[in-house]
Amino acid sequence: MACKRCGGLIVKESVYDREGSSQLVLMDRCLQCGNIEDPVSARNRSQSPVPPSQKSKARRIPDHPRTPLEMAEG
C-alpha cells in the first residue's frame, strides 16, 4: 500500500489507546514521512475537508529586522 502524502510504504501497526486503556487501535503508518492514518483521523478528515486554498499554502517565515549574520555578530 502507498502513502497518500508521499507515496512511501505503509505498514499496519497495533498501538494502545493514548488514554491509558487496554484497547488496541489498528492504524496505518508511512515508513517514509511518518503519516499516520487511523479510523478516527480518517473520519475527522472526511467531516471537515480542508479548503483547496489551504492545501498548497506554504508556511510563511516572518521577516526579521536583522540578518542572520548581524544576529550572530551580536
PDB file of N, CA and C in Angstrom:
ATOM      1  N   MET A   1       0.844  -1.162   0.000  1.00  0.00           N
ATOM      2  CA  MET A   1       0.000   0.000   0.000  1.00  0.00           C
ATOM      3  C   MET A   1       0.901   1.240   0.000  1.00  0.00           C
ATOM      4  N   ALA A   2       0.471   2.307  -0.696  1.00  0.00           N
ATOM      5  CA  ALA A   2       1.266   3.527  -0.816  1.00  0.00           C
ATOM      6  C   ALA A   2       0.638   4.660  -0.008  1.00  0.00           C
ATOM      7  N   CYS A   3       1.486   5.510   0.555  1.00  0.00           N
ATOM      8  CA  CYS A   3       1.062   6.658   1.354  1.00  0.00           C
ATOM      9  C   CYS A   3       0.377   7.696   0.467  1.00  0.00           C
ATOM     10  N   LYS A   4      -0.696   8.282   0.970  1.00  0.00           N
ATOM     11  CA  LYS A   4      -1.419   9.321   0.229  1.00  0.00           C
ATOM     12  C   LYS A   4      -0.620  10.616   0.153  1.00  0.00           C
ATOM     13  N   ARG A   5       0.269  10.835   1.098  1.00  0.00           N
ATOM     14  CA  ARG A   5       1.059  12.071   1.113  1.00  0.00           C
ATOM     15  C   ARG A   5       2.292  11.996   0.231  1.00  0.00           C
ATOM     16  N   CYS A   6       3.113  10.942   0.431  1.00  0.00           N
ATOM     17  CA  CYS A   6       4.424  10.911  -0.231  1.00  0.00           C
ATOM     18  C   CYS A   6       4.630   9.707  -1.141  1.00  0.00           C
ATOM     19  N   GLY A   7       3.719   8.737  -1.107  1.00  0.00           N
ATOM     20  CA  GLY A   7       3.882   7.546  -1.934  1.00  0.00           C
ATOM     21  C   GLY A   7       4.753   6.476  -1.299  1.00  0.00           C
ATOM     22  N   GLY A   8       5.168   6.684  -0.039  1.00  0.00           N
ATOM     23  CA  GLY A   8       6.015   5.730   0.666  1.00  0.00           C
ATOM     24  C   GLY A   8       5.268   4.477   1.085  1.00  0.00           C
ATOM     25  N   LEU A   9       5.998   3.557   1.689  1.00  0.00           N
ATOM     26  CA  LEU A   9       5.450   2.274   2.114  1.00  0.00           C
ATOM     27  C   LEU A   9       4.630   2.420   3.396  1.00  0.00           C
ATOM     28  N   ILE A  10       3.429   1.868   3.398  1.00  0.00           N
ATOM     29  CA  ILE A  10       2.531   1.887   4.552  1.00  0.00           C
ATOM     30  C   ILE A  10       2.621   0.556   5.274  1.00  0.00           C
ATOM     31  N   VAL A  11       2.745   0.605   6.603  1.00  0.00           N
ATOM     32  CA  VAL A  11       2.739  -0.611   7.416  1.00  0.00           C
ATOM     33  C   VAL A  11       1.584  -0.530   8.405  1.00  0.00           C
ATOM     34  N   LYS A  12       1.048  -1.682   8.773  1.00  0.00           N
ATOM     35  CA  LYS A  12      -0.027  -1.759   9.765  1.00  0.00           C
ATOM     36  C   LYS A  12       0.596  -1.864  11.146  1.00  0.00           C
ATOM     37  N   GLU A  13       0.070  -1.117  12.105  1.00  0.00           N
ATOM     38  CA  GLU A  13       0.555  -1.160  13.476  1.00  0.00           C
ATOM     39  C   GLU A  13      -0.618  -1.260  14.431  1.00  0.00           C
ATOM     40  N   SER A  14      -0.408  -1.966  15.521  1.00  0.00           N
ATOM     41  CA  SER A  14      -1.379  -2.020  16.608  1.00  0.00           C
ATOM     42  C   SER A  14      -0.770  -1.268  17.780  1.00  0.00           C
ATOM     43  N   VAL A  15      -1.470  -0.268  18.267  1.00  0.00           N
ATOM     44  CA  VAL A  15      -0.978   0.516  19.396  1.00  0.00           C
ATOM     45  C   VAL A  15      -2.084   0.616  20.445  1.00  0.00           C
ATOM     46  N   TYR A  16      -1.684   0.833  21.676  1.00  0.00           N
ATOM     47  CA  TYR A  16      -2.667   1.006  22.742  1.00  0.00           C
ATOM     48  C   TYR A  16      -3.244   2.403  22.686  1.00  0.00           C
ATOM     49  N   ASP A  17      -4.477   2.530  23.106  1.00  0.00           N
ATOM     50  CA  ASP A  17      -5.160   3.816  23.157  1.00  0.00           C
ATOM     51  C   ASP A  17      -4.348   4.779  24.019  1.00  0.00           C
ATOM     52  N   ARG A  18      -4.288   6.046  23.635  1.00  0.00           N
ATOM     53  CA  ARG A  18      -3.463   7.033  24.323  1.00  0.00           C
ATOM     54  C   ARG A  18      -3.954   7.366  25.725  1.00  0.00           C
ATOM     55  N   GLU A  19      -5.176   7.085  26.034  1.00  0.00           N
ATOM     56  CA  GLU A  19      -5.723   7.460  27.337  1.00  0.00           C
ATOM     57  C   GLU A  19      -5.461   6.414  28.410  1.00  0.00           C
ATOM     58  N   GLY A  20      -4.577   5.483  28.146  1.00  0.00           N
ATOM     59  CA  GLY A  20      -4.192   4.515  29.156  1.00  0.00           C
ATOM     60  C   GLY A  20      -5.077   3.290  29.250  1.00  0.00           C
ATOM     61  N   SER A  21      -6.035   3.161  28.360  1.00  0.00           N
ATOM     62  CA  SER A  21      -6.874   1.967  28.401  1.00  0.00           C
ATOM     63  C   SER A  21      -6.129   0.804  27.764  1.00  0.00           C
ATOM     64  N   SER A  22      -6.677  -0.373  27.896  1.00  0.00           N
ATOM     65  CA  SER A  22      -6.026  -1.551  27.330  1.00  0.00           C
ATOM     66  C   SER A  22      -6.549  -1.866  25.934  1.00  0.00           C
ATOM     67  N   GLN A  23      -7.254  -0.911  25.313  1.00  0.00           N
ATOM     68  CA  GLN A  23      -7.817  -1.117  23.988  1.00  0.00           C
ATOM     69  C   GLN A  23      -6.748  -0.913  22.913  1.00  0.00           C
ATOM     70  N   LEU A  24      -6.624  -1.890  22.014  1.00  0.00           N
ATOM     71  CA  LEU A  24      -5.690  -1.772  20.894  1.00  0.00           C
ATOM     72  C   LEU A  24      -6.374  -1.079  19.732  1.00  0.00           C
ATOM     73  N   VAL A  25      -5.631  -0.191  19.069  1.00  0.00           N
ATOM     74  CA  VAL A  25      -6.130   0.526  17.906  1.00  0.00           C
ATOM     75  C   VAL A  25      -5.248   0.150  16.726  1.00  0.00           C
ATOM     76  N   LEU A  26      -5.851  -0.220  15.600  1.00  0.00           N
ATOM     77  CA  LEU A  26      -5.112  -0.569  14.398  1.00  0.00           C
ATOM     78  C   LEU A  26      -4.968   0.678  13.537  1.00  0.00           C
ATOM     79  N   MET A  27      -3.751   0.974  13.111  1.00  0.00           N
ATOM     80  CA  MET A  27      -3.523   2.155  12.285  1.00  0.00           C
ATOM     81  C   MET A  27      -2.510   1.843  11.197  1.00  0.00           C
ATOM     82  N   ASP A  28      -2.488   2.695  10.184  1.00  0.00           N
ATOM     83  CA  ASP A  28      -1.517   2.606   9.096  1.00  0.00           C
ATOM     84  C   ASP A  28      -0.507   3.731   9.290  1.00  0.00           C
ATOM     85  N   ARG A  29       0.796   3.413   9.148  1.00  0.00           N
ATOM     86  CA  ARG A  29       1.839   4.425   9.295  1.00  0.00           C
ATOM     87  C   ARG A  29       2.793   4.325   8.117  1.00  0.00           C
ATOM     88  N   CYS A  30       3.169   5.487   7.573  1.00  0.00           N
ATOM     89  CA  CYS A  30       4.117   5.539   6.464  1.00  0.00           C
ATOM     90  C   CYS A  30       5.531   5.479   7.022  1.00  0.00           C
ATOM     91  N   LEU A  31       6.345   4.599   6.466  1.00  0.00           N
ATOM     92  CA  LEU A  31       7.729   4.477   6.919  1.00  0.00           C
ATOM     93  C   LEU A  31       8.595   5.641   6.443  1.00  0.00           C
ATOM     94  N   GLN A  32       8.163   6.326   5.397  1.00  0.00           N
ATOM     95  CA  GLN A  32       8.978   7.401   4.847  1.00  0.00           C
ATOM     96  C   GLN A  32       8.696   8.750   5.516  1.00  0.00           C
ATOM     97  N   CYS A  33       7.423   9.181   5.560  1.00  0.00           N
ATOM     98  CA  CYS A  33       7.114  10.515   6.092  1.00  0.00           C
ATOM     99  C   CYS A  33       6.500  10.472   7.486  1.00  0.00           C
ATOM    100  N   GLY A  34       6.080   9.291   7.960  1.00  0.00           N
ATOM    101  CA  GLY A  34       5.521   9.176   9.294  1.00  0.00           C
ATOM    102  C   GLY A  34       4.039   9.477   9.389  1.00  0.00           C
ATOM    103  N   ASN A  35       3.387   9.714   8.267  1.00  0.00           N
ATOM    104  CA  ASN A  35       1.957   9.992   8.262  1.00  0.00           C
ATOM    105  C   ASN A  35       1.201   8.821   8.881  1.00  0.00           C
ATOM    106  N   ILE A  36       0.273   9.127   9.787  1.00  0.00           N
ATOM    107  CA  ILE A  36      -0.498   8.093  10.465  1.00  0.00           C
ATOM    108  C   ILE A  36      -1.960   8.207  10.049  1.00  0.00           C
ATOM    109  N   GLU A  37      -2.529   7.089   9.652  1.00  0.00           N
ATOM    110  CA  GLU A  37      -3.945   7.012   9.313  1.00  0.00           C
ATOM    111  C   GLU A  37      -4.599   6.022  10.268  1.00  0.00           C
ATOM    112  N   ASP A  38      -5.561   6.496  11.020  1.00  0.00           N
ATOM    113  CA  ASP A  38      -6.338   5.615  11.874  1.00  0.00           C
ATOM    114  C   ASP A  38      -7.809   5.944  11.639  1.00  0.00           C
ATOM    115  N   PRO A  39      -8.728   5.115  12.111  1.00  0.00           N
ATOM    116  CA  PRO A  39     -10.151   5.347  11.833  1.00  0.00           C
ATOM    117  C   PRO A  39     -10.652   6.717  12.294  1.00  0.00           C
ATOM    118  N   VAL A  40     -10.183   7.198  13.425  1.00  0.00           N
ATOM    119  CA  VAL A  40     -10.641   8.491  13.940  1.00  0.00           C
ATOM    120  C   VAL A  40     -10.146   9.625  13.047  1.00  0.00           C
ATOM    121  N   SER A  41      -8.876   9.594  12.662  1.00  0.00           N
ATOM    122  CA  SER A  41      -8.325  10.628  11.784  1.00  0.00           C
ATOM    123  C   SER A  41      -9.036  10.639  10.436  1.00  0.00           C
ATOM    124  N   ALA A  42      -9.273   9.466   9.875  1.00  0.00           N
ATOM    125  CA  ALA A  42      -9.951   9.377   8.583  1.00  0.00           C
ATOM    126  C   ALA A  42     -11.363   9.950   8.673  1.00  0.00           C
ATOM    127  N   ARG A  43     -12.074   9.641   9.748  1.00  0.00           N
ATOM    128  CA  ARG A  43     -13.435  10.164   9.923  1.00  0.00           C
ATOM    129  C   ARG A  43     -13.415  11.685  10.081  1.00  0.00           C
ATOM    130  N   ASN A  44     -12.484  12.201  10.870  1.00  0.00           N
ATOM    131  CA  ASN A  44     -12.400  13.646  11.071  1.00  0.00           C
ATOM    132  C   ASN A  44     -12.065  14.383   9.774  1.00  0.00           C
ATOM    133  N   ARG A  45     -11.164  13.820   8.981  1.00  0.00           N
ATOM    134  CA  ARG A  45     -10.819  14.460   7.707  1.00  0.00           C
ATOM    135  C   ARG A  45     -11.990  14.462   6.746  1.00  0.00           C
ATOM    136  N   SER A  46     -12.780  13.404   6.768  1.00  0.00           N
ATOM    137  CA  SER A  46     -13.919  13.352   5.850  1.00  0.00           C
ATOM    138  C   SER A  46     -15.033  14.298   6.278  1.00  0.00           C
ATOM    139  N   GLN A  47     -15.136  14.617   7.560  1.00  0.00           N
ATOM    140  CA  GLN A  47     -16.188  15.505   8.045  1.00  0.00           C
ATOM    141  C   GLN A  47     -15.851  16.981   7.881  1.00  0.00           C
ATOM    142  N   SER A  48     -14.571  17.342   7.951  1.00  0.00           N
ATOM    143  CA  SER A  48     -14.183  18.748   7.813  1.00  0.00           C
ATOM    144  C   SER A  48     -13.065  18.878   6.788  1.00  0.00           C
ATOM    145  N   PRO A  49     -13.437  18.895   5.499  1.00  0.00           N
ATOM    146  CA  PRO A  49     -12.409  18.962   4.461  1.00  0.00           C
ATOM    147  C   PRO A  49     -11.666  20.304   4.496  1.00  0.00           C
ATOM    148  N   VAL A  50     -10.399  20.261   4.125  1.00  0.00           N
ATOM    149  CA  VAL A  50      -9.569  21.459   4.058  1.00  0.00           C
ATOM    150  C   VAL A  50      -9.899  22.189   2.766  1.00  0.00           C
ATOM    151  N   PRO A  51     -10.154  23.501   2.819  1.00  0.00           N
ATOM    152  CA  PRO A  51     -10.433  24.238   1.582  1.00  0.00           C
ATOM    153  C   PRO A  51      -9.260  24.144   0.617  1.00  0.00           C
ATOM    154  N   PRO A  52      -9.529  24.080  -0.695  1.00  0.00           N
ATOM    155  CA  PRO A  52      -8.442  23.948  -1.671  1.00  0.00           C
ATOM    156  C   PRO A  52      -7.385  25.045  -1.537  1.00  0.00           C
ATOM    157  N   SER A  53      -7.776  26.228  -1.127  1.00  0.00           N
ATOM    158  CA  SER A  53      -6.819  27.326  -0.999  1.00  0.00           C
ATOM    159  C   SER A  53      -5.823  27.080   0.132  1.00  0.00           C
ATOM    160  N   GLN A  54      -6.158  26.241   1.122  1.00  0.00           N
ATOM    161  CA  GLN A  54      -5.287  25.973   2.256  1.00  0.00           C
ATOM    162  C   GLN A  54      -4.362  24.787   2.024  1.00  0.00           C
ATOM    163  N   LYS A  55      -4.667  23.934   1.057  1.00  0.00           N
ATOM    164  CA  LYS A  55      -3.887  22.715   0.851  1.00  0.00           C
ATOM    165  C   LYS A  55      -2.463  22.988   0.404  1.00  0.00           C
ATOM    166  N   SER A  56      -2.273  23.947  -0.491  1.00  0.00           N
ATOM    167  CA  SER A  56      -0.945  24.131  -1.051  1.00  0.00           C
ATOM    168  C   SER A  56      -0.214  25.339  -0.485  1.00  0.00           C
ATOM    169  N   LYS A  57      -0.777  25.973   0.529  1.00  0.00           N
ATOM    170  CA  LYS A  57      -0.119  27.144   1.091  1.00  0.00           C
ATOM    171  C   LYS A  57       1.109  26.734   1.887  1.00  0.00           C
ATOM    172  N   ALA A  58       2.212  27.382   1.589  1.00  0.00           N
ATOM    173  CA  ALA A  58       3.430  27.143   2.346  1.00  0.00           C
ATOM    174  C   ALA A  58       3.434  28.054   3.566  1.00  0.00           C
ATOM    175  N   ARG A  59       4.049  27.590   4.625  1.00  0.00           N
ATOM    176  CA  ARG A  59       4.154  28.403   5.828  1.00  0.00           C
ATOM    177  C   ARG A  59       5.095  29.564   5.552  1.00  0.00           C
ATOM    178  N   ARG A  60       4.652  30.772   5.849  1.00  0.00           N
ATOM    179  CA  ARG A  60       5.453  31.963   5.590  1.00  0.00           C
ATOM    180  C   ARG A  60       6.355  32.235   6.782  1.00  0.00           C
ATOM    181  N   ILE A  61       7.625  32.477   6.499  1.00  0.00           N
ATOM    182  CA  ILE A  61       8.577  32.829   7.547  1.00  0.00           C
ATOM    183  C   ILE A  61       8.531  34.342   7.711  1.00  0.00           C
ATOM    184  N   PRO A  62       8.268  34.821   8.922  1.00  0.00           N
ATOM    185  CA  PRO A  62       8.169  36.272   9.101  1.00  0.00           C
ATOM    186  C   PRO A  62       9.516  36.951   8.864  1.00  0.00           C
ATOM    187  N   ASP A  63       9.431  38.176   8.371  1.00  0.00           N
ATOM    188  CA  ASP A  63      10.644  38.960   8.145  1.00  0.00           C
ATOM    189  C   ASP A  63      11.251  39.344   9.486  1.00  0.00           C
ATOM    190  N   HIS A  64      12.567  39.329   9.542  1.00  0.00           N
ATOM    191  CA  HIS A  64      13.268  39.700  10.770  1.00  0.00           C
ATOM    192  C   HIS A  64      14.055  40.965  10.472  1.00  0.00           C
ATOM    193  N   PRO A  65      14.071  41.921  11.405  1.00  0.00           N
ATOM    194  CA  PRO A  65      14.753  43.187  11.130  1.00  0.00           C
ATOM    195  C   PRO A  65      16.265  43.037  10.951  1.00  0.00           C
ATOM    196  N   ARG A  66      16.858  41.982  11.491  1.00  0.00           N
ATOM    197  CA  ARG A  66      18.302  41.772  11.372  1.00  0.00           C
ATOM    198  C   ARG A  66      18.572  40.520  10.562  1.00  0.00           C
ATOM    199  N   THR A  67      19.645  40.536   9.795  1.00  0.00           N
ATOM    200  CA  THR A  67      20.032  39.367   9.010  1.00  0.00           C
ATOM    201  C   THR A  67      20.664  38.333   9.945  1.00  0.00           C
ATOM    202  N   PRO A  68      20.745  37.070   9.540  1.00  0.00           N
ATOM    203  CA  PRO A  68      21.380  36.052  10.378  1.00  0.00           C
ATOM    204  C   PRO A  68      22.833  36.406  10.746  1.00  0.00           C
ATOM    205  N   LEU A  69      23.561  37.049   9.815  1.00  0.00           N
ATOM    206  CA  LEU A  69      24.933  37.428  10.083  1.00  0.00           C
ATOM    207  C   LEU A  69      24.995  38.499  11.170  1.00  0.00           C
ATOM    208  N   GLU A  70      24.096  39.466  11.107  1.00  0.00           N
ATOM    209  CA  GLU A  70      24.053  40.519  12.135  1.00  0.00           C
ATOM    210  C   GLU A  70      23.704  39.930  13.503  1.00  0.00           C
ATOM    211  N   MET A  71      22.797  38.963  13.524  1.00  0.00           N
ATOM    212  CA  MET A  71      22.397  38.345  14.789  1.00  0.00           C
ATOM    213  C   MET A  71      23.548  37.539  15.379  1.00  0.00           C
ATOM    214  N   ALA A  72      24.364  36.884  14.522  1.00  0.00           N
ATOM    215  CA  ALA A  72      25.483  36.078  15.008  1.00  0.00           C
ATOM    216  C   ALA A  72      26.591  36.961  15.585  1.00  0.00           C
ATOM    217  N   GLU A  73      26.733  38.147  15.006  1.00  0.00           N
ATOM    218  CA  GLU A  73      27.767  39.052  15.499  1.00  0.00           C
ATOM    219  C   GLU A  73      27.394  39.706  16.815  1.00  0.00           C
ATOM    220  N   GLY A  74      26.113  39.717  17.141  1.00  0.00           N
ATOM    221  CA  GLY A  74      25.669  40.238  18.429  1.00  0.00           C
ATOM    222  C   GLY A  74      25.202  41.586  18.343  1.00  0.00           C
TER     223      GLY A  74
END
